[in-house]
Amino acid sequence: MEPTAILEETPQNRFRRQVEEAVVAYGVAWQEQDKHKIAALFTRDGAEYCERPFRQDGTYCGREEIESYWERQIIAKQKDIQFEAKLDEFICDHEKMQALVKWQASFVNRLVYSYHPSFTKRVEFVQVAILSFEKDDVDPGQILIRRLEEYWHSITSSLKDKLGEGGGGEEGEEE
């Protein structure tokens, strides 16, 4: 989905358009598996990517850690990524420079187990993220993500089960 065309350029509408552009760019970078494009969406100093809020090791700080996480978790394990931003469900507050955003995505996840080295499964999920933004210190007309905190619900299935070949995982297994 493309960012919303807005006729009147109020501060709220400008912020919403920039949030939409950032989330669409996030989806493109994810589909292209480009860790540099992902990192470039975040502030140069103090960026946080909170992938699992209840785990101490689930927050990545700074562009370098975000790139490293994407290298290990996304590029190494995911393929055939589909992404759809639910732009009409975004909630944006330009005064606080925060947004609640939503997308649906799916991908093939390669799991590495010593007992089953080639196991793959399709993961489908809906995700919401709380985004905090700051003005770009290089281009003050633009915004960058200061903090991304994500929450999701997913369902998985073995690709072999989907193809009727049996093996690994249960259809509809929840993550």
N, C-alpha and C. Protein backbone atom coordinates (compact mmCIF):
# COMPACT_ATOMS: atom_id res chain seq x y z
N MET A 1 0.85 -1.17 0.00
CA MET A 1 0.00 0.00 0.00
C MET A 1 0.89 1.24 0.00
N GLU A 2 0.56 2.20 -0.80
CA GLU A 2 1.32 3.44 -0.92
C GLU A 2 0.92 4.43 0.17
N PRO A 3 1.84 5.32 0.58
CA PRO A 3 1.48 6.35 1.55
C PRO A 3 0.31 7.20 1.05
N THR A 4 -0.46 7.69 1.98
CA THR A 4 -1.65 8.47 1.69
C THR A 4 -1.29 9.81 1.04
N ALA A 5 -2.01 10.15 0.00
CA ALA A 5 -1.87 11.48 -0.61
C ALA A 5 -2.68 12.45 0.24
N ILE A 6 -2.04 13.48 0.73
CA ILE A 6 -2.70 14.43 1.61
C ILE A 6 -2.74 15.78 0.92
N LEU A 7 -3.91 16.39 0.87
CA LEU A 7 -4.06 17.67 0.18
C LEU A 7 -3.53 18.83 1.01
N GLU A 8 -3.99 18.96 2.23
CA GLU A 8 -3.58 20.07 3.08
C GLU A 8 -2.37 19.66 3.92
N GLU A 9 -1.28 20.38 3.86
CA GLU A 9 -0.04 20.01 4.54
C GLU A 9 0.02 20.62 5.93
N THR A 10 -0.81 20.13 6.84
CA THR A 10 -0.76 20.54 8.25
C THR A 10 0.37 19.78 8.92
N PRO A 11 0.84 20.23 10.10
CA PRO A 11 1.88 19.46 10.80
C PRO A 11 1.47 18.01 11.06
N GLN A 12 0.20 17.78 11.44
CA GLN A 12 -0.27 16.41 11.68
C GLN A 12 -0.24 15.58 10.40
N ASN A 13 -0.74 16.14 9.31
CA ASN A 13 -0.76 15.41 8.04
C ASN A 13 0.65 15.14 7.52
N ARG A 14 1.56 16.11 7.66
CA ARG A 14 2.95 15.92 7.24
C ARG A 14 3.58 14.79 8.04
N PHE A 15 3.34 14.79 9.36
CA PHE A 15 3.91 13.74 10.21
C PHE A 15 3.35 12.38 9.80
N ARG A 16 2.04 12.31 9.59
CA ARG A 16 1.43 11.04 9.19
C ARG A 16 2.04 10.54 7.88
N ARG A 17 2.20 11.42 6.92
CA ARG A 17 2.80 11.03 5.63
C ARG A 17 4.22 10.51 5.83
N GLN A 18 4.99 11.17 6.69
CA GLN A 18 6.36 10.73 6.95
C GLN A 18 6.39 9.38 7.66
N VAL A 19 5.45 9.15 8.59
CA VAL A 19 5.35 7.85 9.26
C VAL A 19 5.02 6.76 8.24
N GLU A 20 4.04 7.03 7.40
CA GLU A 20 3.66 6.07 6.36
C GLU A 20 4.85 5.76 5.45
N GLU A 21 5.57 6.78 5.04
CA GLU A 21 6.75 6.58 4.19
C GLU A 21 7.80 5.73 4.90
N ALA A 22 8.00 5.98 6.19
CA ALA A 22 8.99 5.22 6.95
C ALA A 22 8.59 3.75 7.04
N VAL A 23 7.32 3.47 7.30
CA VAL A 23 6.87 2.07 7.43
C VAL A 23 6.91 1.36 6.08
N VAL A 24 6.53 2.04 5.01
CA VAL A 24 6.63 1.44 3.68
C VAL A 24 8.10 1.15 3.36
N ALA A 25 9.01 2.08 3.69
CA ALA A 25 10.44 1.87 3.46
C ALA A 25 10.96 0.69 4.30
N TYR A 26 10.45 0.55 5.52
CA TYR A 26 10.79 -0.59 6.39
C TYR A 26 10.41 -1.89 5.69
N GLY A 27 9.19 -1.94 5.15
CA GLY A 27 8.73 -3.14 4.46
C GLY A 27 9.58 -3.46 3.23
N VAL A 28 9.93 -2.45 2.46
CA VAL A 28 10.77 -2.66 1.28
C VAL A 28 12.14 -3.19 1.69
N ALA A 29 12.74 -2.57 2.71
CA ALA A 29 14.05 -3.01 3.18
C ALA A 29 14.00 -4.44 3.70
N TRP A 30 12.90 -4.80 4.37
CA TRP A 30 12.75 -6.16 4.88
C TRP A 30 12.64 -7.13 3.71
N GLN A 31 11.80 -6.82 2.74
CA GLN A 31 11.65 -7.70 1.58
C GLN A 31 12.95 -7.85 0.80
N GLU A 32 13.70 -6.77 0.72
CA GLU A 32 14.99 -6.82 0.02
C GLU A 32 16.10 -7.36 0.90
N GLN A 33 15.81 -7.56 2.18
CA GLN A 33 16.76 -8.04 3.18
C GLN A 33 18.01 -7.16 3.20
N ASP A 34 17.78 -5.87 3.27
CA ASP A 34 18.86 -4.89 3.23
C ASP A 34 19.03 -4.26 4.62
N LYS A 35 20.01 -4.76 5.35
CA LYS A 35 20.23 -4.29 6.72
C LYS A 35 20.64 -2.82 6.76
N HIS A 36 21.30 -2.33 5.72
CA HIS A 36 21.70 -0.92 5.69
C HIS A 36 20.49 0.00 5.51
N LYS A 37 19.53 -0.42 4.68
CA LYS A 37 18.30 0.38 4.51
C LYS A 37 17.50 0.40 5.80
N ILE A 38 17.45 -0.73 6.51
CA ILE A 38 16.74 -0.76 7.79
C ILE A 38 17.41 0.19 8.77
N ALA A 39 18.72 0.07 8.92
CA ALA A 39 19.44 0.91 9.88
C ALA A 39 19.30 2.39 9.55
N ALA A 40 19.25 2.74 8.28
CA ALA A 40 19.15 4.14 7.86
C ALA A 40 17.82 4.78 8.25
N LEU A 41 16.82 3.97 8.60
CA LEU A 41 15.53 4.49 9.04
C LEU A 41 15.59 4.98 10.49
N PHE A 42 16.66 4.61 11.20
CA PHE A 42 16.80 4.91 12.63
C PHE A 42 17.75 6.10 12.84
N THR A 43 17.60 6.76 13.99
CA THR A 43 18.47 7.87 14.33
C THR A 43 19.92 7.40 14.41
N ARG A 44 20.84 8.33 14.17
CA ARG A 44 22.26 8.00 14.18
C ARG A 44 22.76 7.72 15.60
N ASP A 45 22.16 8.39 16.57
CA ASP A 45 22.55 8.21 17.97
C ASP A 45 21.34 7.81 18.79
N GLY A 46 21.49 6.81 19.63
CA GLY A 46 20.44 6.44 20.58
C GLY A 46 19.29 5.62 20.04
N ALA A 47 19.41 5.08 18.84
CA ALA A 47 18.30 4.28 18.27
C ALA A 47 18.11 2.99 19.07
N GLU A 48 16.85 2.59 19.19
CA GLU A 48 16.51 1.33 19.87
C GLU A 48 15.52 0.56 19.03
N TYR A 49 15.77 -0.74 18.89
CA TYR A 49 14.86 -1.65 18.20
C TYR A 49 14.51 -2.72 19.23
N CYS A 50 13.29 -2.64 19.76
CA CYS A 50 12.86 -3.56 20.81
C CYS A 50 12.03 -4.67 20.16
N GLU A 51 12.67 -5.80 19.91
CA GLU A 51 12.04 -6.91 19.21
C GLU A 51 11.22 -7.79 20.17
N ARG A 52 11.68 -7.94 21.38
CA ARG A 52 10.97 -8.74 22.39
C ARG A 52 11.01 -7.99 23.72
N PRO A 53 9.96 -7.22 24.00
CA PRO A 53 9.96 -6.34 25.17
C PRO A 53 10.18 -7.02 26.52
N PHE A 54 9.84 -8.29 26.66
CA PHE A 54 9.97 -8.95 27.96
C PHE A 54 11.30 -9.68 28.13
N ARG A 55 12.16 -9.58 27.12
CA ARG A 55 13.47 -10.24 27.22
C ARG A 55 14.57 -9.20 27.29
N GLN A 56 15.47 -9.40 28.22
CA GLN A 56 16.56 -8.46 28.40
C GLN A 56 17.44 -8.38 27.14
N ASP A 57 17.58 -9.49 26.43
CA ASP A 57 18.40 -9.51 25.22
C ASP A 57 17.58 -9.20 23.96
N GLY A 58 16.36 -8.69 24.11
CA GLY A 58 15.48 -8.44 22.98
C GLY A 58 15.47 -7.02 22.47
N THR A 59 16.36 -6.16 22.99
CA THR A 59 16.45 -4.78 22.53
C THR A 59 17.84 -4.54 21.96
N TYR A 60 17.87 -3.96 20.77
CA TYR A 60 19.12 -3.69 20.07
C TYR A 60 19.31 -2.18 20.01
N CYS A 61 20.46 -1.72 20.46
CA CYS A 61 20.74 -0.29 20.58
C CYS A 61 21.78 0.15 19.57
N GLY A 62 21.44 1.18 18.81
CA GLY A 62 22.35 1.72 17.82
C GLY A 62 22.21 1.02 16.48
N ARG A 63 22.57 1.75 15.43
CA ARG A 63 22.44 1.21 14.08
C ARG A 63 23.26 -0.07 13.89
N GLU A 64 24.44 -0.13 14.49
CA GLU A 64 25.30 -1.32 14.32
C GLU A 64 24.64 -2.57 14.90
N GLU A 65 24.08 -2.48 16.09
CA GLU A 65 23.39 -3.63 16.69
C GLU A 65 22.14 -4.00 15.90
N ILE A 66 21.43 -3.00 15.39
CA ILE A 66 20.24 -3.27 14.58
C ILE A 66 20.64 -4.02 13.31
N GLU A 67 21.70 -3.58 12.65
CA GLU A 67 22.19 -4.28 11.46
C GLU A 67 22.60 -5.71 11.79
N SER A 68 23.28 -5.89 12.91
CA SER A 68 23.73 -7.23 13.32
C SER A 68 22.54 -8.15 13.57
N TYR A 69 21.51 -7.62 14.26
CA TYR A 69 20.29 -8.40 14.50
C TYR A 69 19.66 -8.80 13.17
N TRP A 70 19.54 -7.85 12.25
CA TRP A 70 18.93 -8.16 10.95
C TRP A 70 19.76 -9.19 10.19
N GLU A 71 21.05 -9.12 10.28
CA GLU A 71 21.92 -10.10 9.61
C GLU A 71 21.66 -11.51 10.14
N ARG A 72 21.62 -11.64 11.48
CA ARG A 72 21.43 -12.95 12.13
C ARG A 72 20.02 -13.49 11.98
N GLN A 73 19.04 -12.63 12.21
CA GLN A 73 17.67 -13.11 12.34
C GLN A 73 16.87 -13.03 11.04
N ILE A 74 17.08 -12.03 10.25
CA ILE A 74 16.26 -11.82 9.05
C ILE A 74 16.96 -12.38 7.82
N ILE A 75 18.13 -11.88 7.53
CA ILE A 75 18.83 -12.29 6.31
C ILE A 75 19.21 -13.77 6.34
N ALA A 76 19.68 -14.24 7.48
CA ALA A 76 20.12 -15.63 7.58
C ALA A 76 18.98 -16.64 7.63
N LYS A 77 17.79 -16.21 8.04
CA LYS A 77 16.72 -17.17 8.29
C LYS A 77 15.44 -16.98 7.49
N GLN A 78 15.24 -15.83 6.86
CA GLN A 78 13.96 -15.56 6.21
C GLN A 78 14.11 -15.39 4.71
N LYS A 79 13.09 -15.83 3.98
CA LYS A 79 13.05 -15.60 2.54
C LYS A 79 11.58 -15.51 2.12
N ASP A 80 11.37 -15.12 0.88
CA ASP A 80 10.01 -14.99 0.33
C ASP A 80 9.13 -14.15 1.25
N ILE A 81 9.62 -12.96 1.57
CA ILE A 81 8.94 -12.06 2.51
C ILE A 81 7.85 -11.27 1.79
N GLN A 82 6.66 -11.29 2.38
CA GLN A 82 5.54 -10.50 1.90
C GLN A 82 5.21 -9.49 3.01
N PHE A 83 4.90 -8.26 2.63
CA PHE A 83 4.67 -7.21 3.62
C PHE A 83 3.56 -6.28 3.13
N GLU A 84 2.62 -5.99 4.02
CA GLU A 84 1.56 -5.04 3.69
C GLU A 84 1.30 -4.13 4.88
N ALA A 85 1.64 -2.86 4.72
CA ALA A 85 1.36 -1.87 5.75
C ALA A 85 -0.15 -1.58 5.76
N LYS A 86 -0.73 -1.55 6.93
CA LYS A 86 -2.15 -1.23 7.09
C LYS A 86 -2.27 0.27 7.41
N LEU A 87 -2.00 1.09 6.40
CA LEU A 87 -1.89 2.54 6.58
C LEU A 87 -3.14 3.17 7.17
N ASP A 88 -4.30 2.67 6.81
CA ASP A 88 -5.54 3.27 7.32
C ASP A 88 -5.78 2.97 8.80
N GLU A 89 -4.94 2.12 9.40
CA GLU A 89 -5.08 1.79 10.82
C GLU A 89 -4.01 2.45 11.68
N PHE A 90 -3.15 3.27 11.08
CA PHE A 90 -2.11 3.96 11.84
C PHE A 90 -2.74 5.03 12.74
N ILE A 91 -2.16 5.21 13.90
CA ILE A 91 -2.53 6.29 14.81
C ILE A 91 -1.26 7.12 15.01
N CYS A 92 -1.33 8.39 14.66
CA CYS A 92 -0.14 9.25 14.67
C CYS A 92 -0.37 10.49 15.52
N ASP A 93 0.62 10.86 16.32
CA ASP A 93 0.56 12.06 17.14
C ASP A 93 1.80 12.90 16.84
N HIS A 94 1.62 13.96 16.05
CA HIS A 94 2.77 14.76 15.63
C HIS A 94 3.39 15.53 16.79
N GLU A 95 2.62 15.88 17.81
CA GLU A 95 3.17 16.63 18.94
C GLU A 95 4.12 15.77 19.76
N LYS A 96 3.77 14.52 19.98
CA LYS A 96 4.65 13.60 20.72
C LYS A 96 5.65 12.91 19.80
N MET A 97 5.44 13.06 18.48
CA MET A 97 6.26 12.39 17.47
C MET A 97 6.26 10.87 17.70
N GLN A 98 5.05 10.34 17.91
CA GLN A 98 4.88 8.91 18.12
C GLN A 98 3.76 8.39 17.22
N ALA A 99 3.85 7.10 16.91
CA ALA A 99 2.82 6.48 16.10
C ALA A 99 2.64 5.03 16.53
N LEU A 100 1.43 4.56 16.38
CA LEU A 100 1.10 3.15 16.54
C LEU A 100 0.78 2.68 15.13
N VAL A 101 1.54 1.72 14.63
CA VAL A 101 1.39 1.28 13.25
C VAL A 101 1.13 -0.22 13.21
N LYS A 102 0.60 -0.67 12.07
CA LYS A 102 0.24 -2.08 11.94
C LYS A 102 0.60 -2.57 10.54
N TRP A 103 1.05 -3.83 10.48
CA TRP A 103 1.26 -4.45 9.18
C TRP A 103 1.00 -5.94 9.29
N GLN A 104 0.77 -6.55 8.14
CA GLN A 104 0.68 -8.01 8.05
C GLN A 104 1.86 -8.45 7.20
N ALA A 105 2.43 -9.57 7.56
CA ALA A 105 3.58 -10.07 6.83
C ALA A 105 3.61 -11.59 6.87
N SER A 106 4.36 -12.14 5.97
CA SER A 106 4.61 -13.58 5.97
C SER A 106 5.98 -13.81 5.34
N PHE A 107 6.56 -14.94 5.68
CA PHE A 107 7.86 -15.31 5.13
C PHE A 107 8.10 -16.79 5.37
N VAL A 108 9.06 -17.32 4.67
CA VAL A 108 9.52 -18.69 4.90
C VAL A 108 10.68 -18.58 5.88
N ASN A 109 10.57 -19.28 6.98
CA ASN A 109 11.59 -19.25 8.03
C ASN A 109 12.38 -20.54 8.01
N ARG A 110 13.69 -20.42 7.90
CA ARG A 110 14.58 -21.58 7.93
C ARG A 110 15.06 -21.76 9.36
N LEU A 111 14.69 -22.87 9.94
CA LEU A 111 15.09 -23.17 11.31
C LEU A 111 16.27 -24.11 11.27
N VAL A 112 17.22 -23.85 12.12
CA VAL A 112 18.42 -24.68 12.15
C VAL A 112 18.40 -25.49 13.45
N TYR A 113 18.13 -26.76 13.30
CA TYR A 113 18.17 -27.70 14.41
C TYR A 113 19.18 -28.78 14.07
N SER A 114 19.94 -29.22 15.04
CA SER A 114 20.94 -30.25 14.77
C SER A 114 20.27 -31.56 14.34
N TYR A 115 19.06 -31.81 14.81
CA TYR A 115 18.37 -33.05 14.48
C TYR A 115 17.55 -32.95 13.19
N HIS A 116 17.36 -31.76 12.65
CA HIS A 116 16.57 -31.59 11.42
C HIS A 116 17.07 -30.32 10.72
N PRO A 117 18.23 -30.38 10.05
CA PRO A 117 18.87 -29.18 9.54
C PRO A 117 18.15 -28.44 8.42
N SER A 118 17.16 -29.05 7.76
CA SER A 118 16.54 -28.38 6.62
C SER A 118 15.07 -28.03 6.86
N PHE A 119 14.66 -27.94 8.09
CA PHE A 119 13.26 -27.66 8.40
C PHE A 119 12.92 -26.22 8.06
N THR A 120 11.85 -26.02 7.31
CA THR A 120 11.35 -24.67 7.02
C THR A 120 9.87 -24.62 7.35
N LYS A 121 9.42 -23.44 7.63
CA LYS A 121 8.00 -23.24 7.88
C LYS A 121 7.60 -21.86 7.39
N ARG A 122 6.35 -21.74 7.03
CA ARG A 122 5.79 -20.45 6.63
C ARG A 122 5.26 -19.78 7.88
N VAL A 123 5.61 -18.54 8.07
CA VAL A 123 5.16 -17.76 9.22
C VAL A 123 4.28 -16.63 8.69
N GLU A 124 3.10 -16.50 9.25
CA GLU A 124 2.20 -15.42 8.90
C GLU A 124 1.85 -14.70 10.19
N PHE A 125 1.89 -13.38 10.16
CA PHE A 125 1.58 -12.68 11.39
C PHE A 125 1.04 -11.28 11.14
N VAL A 126 0.42 -10.77 12.18
CA VAL A 126 0.01 -9.38 12.24
C VAL A 126 0.88 -8.75 13.33
N GLN A 127 1.32 -7.56 13.07
CA GLN A 127 2.23 -6.91 14.00
C GLN A 127 1.83 -5.46 14.19
N VAL A 128 1.94 -5.01 15.42
CA VAL A 128 1.81 -3.59 15.70
C VAL A 128 3.14 -3.13 16.30
N ALA A 129 3.47 -1.89 16.04
CA ALA A 129 4.70 -1.34 16.57
C ALA A 129 4.43 0.06 17.08
N ILE A 130 5.03 0.37 18.21
CA ILE A 130 5.01 1.72 18.74
C ILE A 130 6.30 2.37 18.26
N LEU A 131 6.16 3.43 17.50
CA LEU A 131 7.32 4.12 16.95
C LEU A 131 7.45 5.50 17.57
N SER A 132 8.65 5.82 18.02
CA SER A 132 8.99 7.17 18.46
C SER A 132 9.98 7.73 17.46
N PHE A 133 9.76 8.97 17.06
CA PHE A 133 10.58 9.60 16.02
C PHE A 133 11.32 10.81 16.57
N GLU A 134 12.37 11.19 15.86
CA GLU A 134 13.08 12.45 16.09
C GLU A 134 13.36 13.08 14.74
N LYS A 135 13.50 14.39 14.73
CA LYS A 135 13.90 15.06 13.49
C LYS A 135 15.31 14.61 13.13
N ASP A 136 15.54 14.40 11.86
CA ASP A 136 16.86 14.04 11.36
C ASP A 136 17.80 15.22 11.60
N ASP A 137 18.94 14.98 12.26
CA ASP A 137 19.86 16.07 12.54
C ASP A 137 20.60 16.56 11.29
N VAL A 138 20.60 15.77 10.23
CA VAL A 138 21.21 16.19 8.97
C VAL A 138 20.20 16.91 8.08
N ASP A 139 18.97 16.41 8.05
CA ASP A 139 17.89 17.00 7.26
C ASP A 139 16.69 17.20 8.18
N PRO A 140 16.58 18.35 8.85
CA PRO A 140 15.52 18.58 9.84
C PRO A 140 14.09 18.48 9.29
N GLY A 141 13.93 18.49 7.97
CA GLY A 141 12.61 18.32 7.39
C GLY A 141 12.16 16.86 7.39
N GLN A 142 13.08 15.96 7.69
CA GLN A 142 12.77 14.53 7.72
C GLN A 142 12.78 14.01 9.15
N ILE A 143 12.17 12.85 9.35
CA ILE A 143 12.16 12.22 10.66
C ILE A 143 12.81 10.84 10.57
N LEU A 144 13.38 10.40 11.68
CA LEU A 144 13.96 9.07 11.79
C LEU A 144 13.39 8.38 13.01
N ILE A 145 13.39 7.07 13.00
CA ILE A 145 12.87 6.29 14.13
C ILE A 145 13.89 6.34 15.27
N ARG A 146 13.44 6.76 16.42
CA ARG A 146 14.29 6.76 17.63
C ARG A 146 14.13 5.43 18.36
N ARG A 147 12.89 4.93 18.39
CA ARG A 147 12.61 3.65 19.07
C ARG A 147 11.49 2.94 18.34
N LEU A 148 11.68 1.67 18.11
CA LEU A 148 10.65 0.79 17.57
C LEU A 148 10.45 -0.32 18.60
N GLU A 149 9.21 -0.46 19.05
CA GLU A 149 8.86 -1.52 20.01
C GLU A 149 7.74 -2.32 19.37
N GLU A 150 8.00 -3.61 19.09
CA GLU A 150 7.04 -4.39 18.32
C GLU A 150 6.35 -5.47 19.13
N TYR A 151 5.10 -5.72 18.75
CA TYR A 151 4.26 -6.76 19.33
C TYR A 151 3.58 -7.49 18.18
N TRP A 152 3.50 -8.82 18.27
CA TRP A 152 2.94 -9.56 17.16
C TRP A 152 2.27 -10.85 17.61
N HIS A 153 1.45 -11.34 16.73
CA HIS A 153 0.83 -12.65 16.90
C HIS A 153 1.01 -13.38 15.57
N SER A 154 1.46 -14.63 15.66
CA SER A 154 1.74 -15.34 14.41
C SER A 154 1.16 -16.74 14.43
N ILE A 155 1.11 -17.28 13.24
CA ILE A 155 0.71 -18.67 13.05
C ILE A 155 1.71 -19.24 12.05
N THR A 156 2.09 -20.49 12.27
CA THR A 156 3.09 -21.11 11.40
C THR A 156 2.59 -22.44 10.89
N SER A 157 3.20 -22.87 9.82
CA SER A 157 2.92 -24.20 9.30
C SER A 157 4.15 -24.68 8.55
N SER A 158 4.38 -25.96 8.59
CA SER A 158 5.49 -26.55 7.85
C SER A 158 5.18 -26.47 6.37
N LEU A 159 6.16 -26.09 5.57
CA LEU A 159 5.94 -26.07 4.13
C LEU A 159 5.65 -27.46 3.60
N LYS A 160 6.26 -28.45 4.18
CA LYS A 160 5.98 -29.82 3.75
C LYS A 160 4.53 -30.17 4.02
N ASP A 161 3.99 -29.74 5.17
CA ASP A 161 2.58 -29.99 5.47
C ASP A 161 1.69 -29.26 4.47
N LYS A 162 2.06 -28.02 4.14
CA LYS A 162 1.29 -27.25 3.17
C LYS A 162 1.24 -27.96 1.82
N LEU A 163 2.35 -28.61 1.46
CA LEU A 163 2.44 -29.31 0.18
C LEU A 163 1.90 -30.73 0.26
N GLY A 164 1.49 -31.16 1.44
CA GLY A 164 0.94 -32.49 1.61
C GLY A 164 2.00 -33.58 1.66
N GLU A 165 3.24 -33.20 1.98
CA GLU A 165 4.32 -34.18 2.02
C GLU A 165 4.63 -34.64 3.44
N GLY A 166 3.91 -34.14 4.41
CA GLY A 166 4.14 -34.55 5.80
C GLY A 166 5.42 -34.00 6.36
N GLY A 167 5.72 -34.36 7.60
CA GLY A 167 6.98 -33.97 8.25
C GLY A 167 6.90 -32.62 8.91
N GLY A 168 7.57 -32.48 10.04
CA GLY A 168 7.81 -31.26 10.78
C GLY A 168 6.65 -30.33 11.07
N GLY A 169 6.44 -30.02 12.33
CA GLY A 169 5.48 -29.00 12.74
C GLY A 169 4.03 -29.37 12.50
N GLU A 170 3.16 -28.65 13.15
CA GLU A 170 1.72 -28.88 12.98
C GLU A 170 1.11 -27.72 12.24
N GLU A 171 0.16 -28.00 11.39
CA GLU A 171 -0.56 -26.95 10.68
C GLU A 171 -1.22 -26.03 11.71
N GLY A 172 -1.03 -24.75 11.54
CA GLY A 172 -1.67 -23.81 12.45
C GLY A 172 -0.98 -23.67 13.78
N GLU A 173 0.21 -24.18 13.91
CA GLU A 173 0.98 -24.07 15.14
C GLU A 173 1.22 -22.59 15.44
N GLU A 174 0.93 -22.14 16.67
CA GLU A 174 1.13 -20.74 17.01
C GLU A 174 2.51 -20.52 17.57
N GLU A 175 3.07 -19.35 17.25
CA GLU A 175 4.40 -18.96 17.75
C GLU A 175 4.23 -18.30 19.09
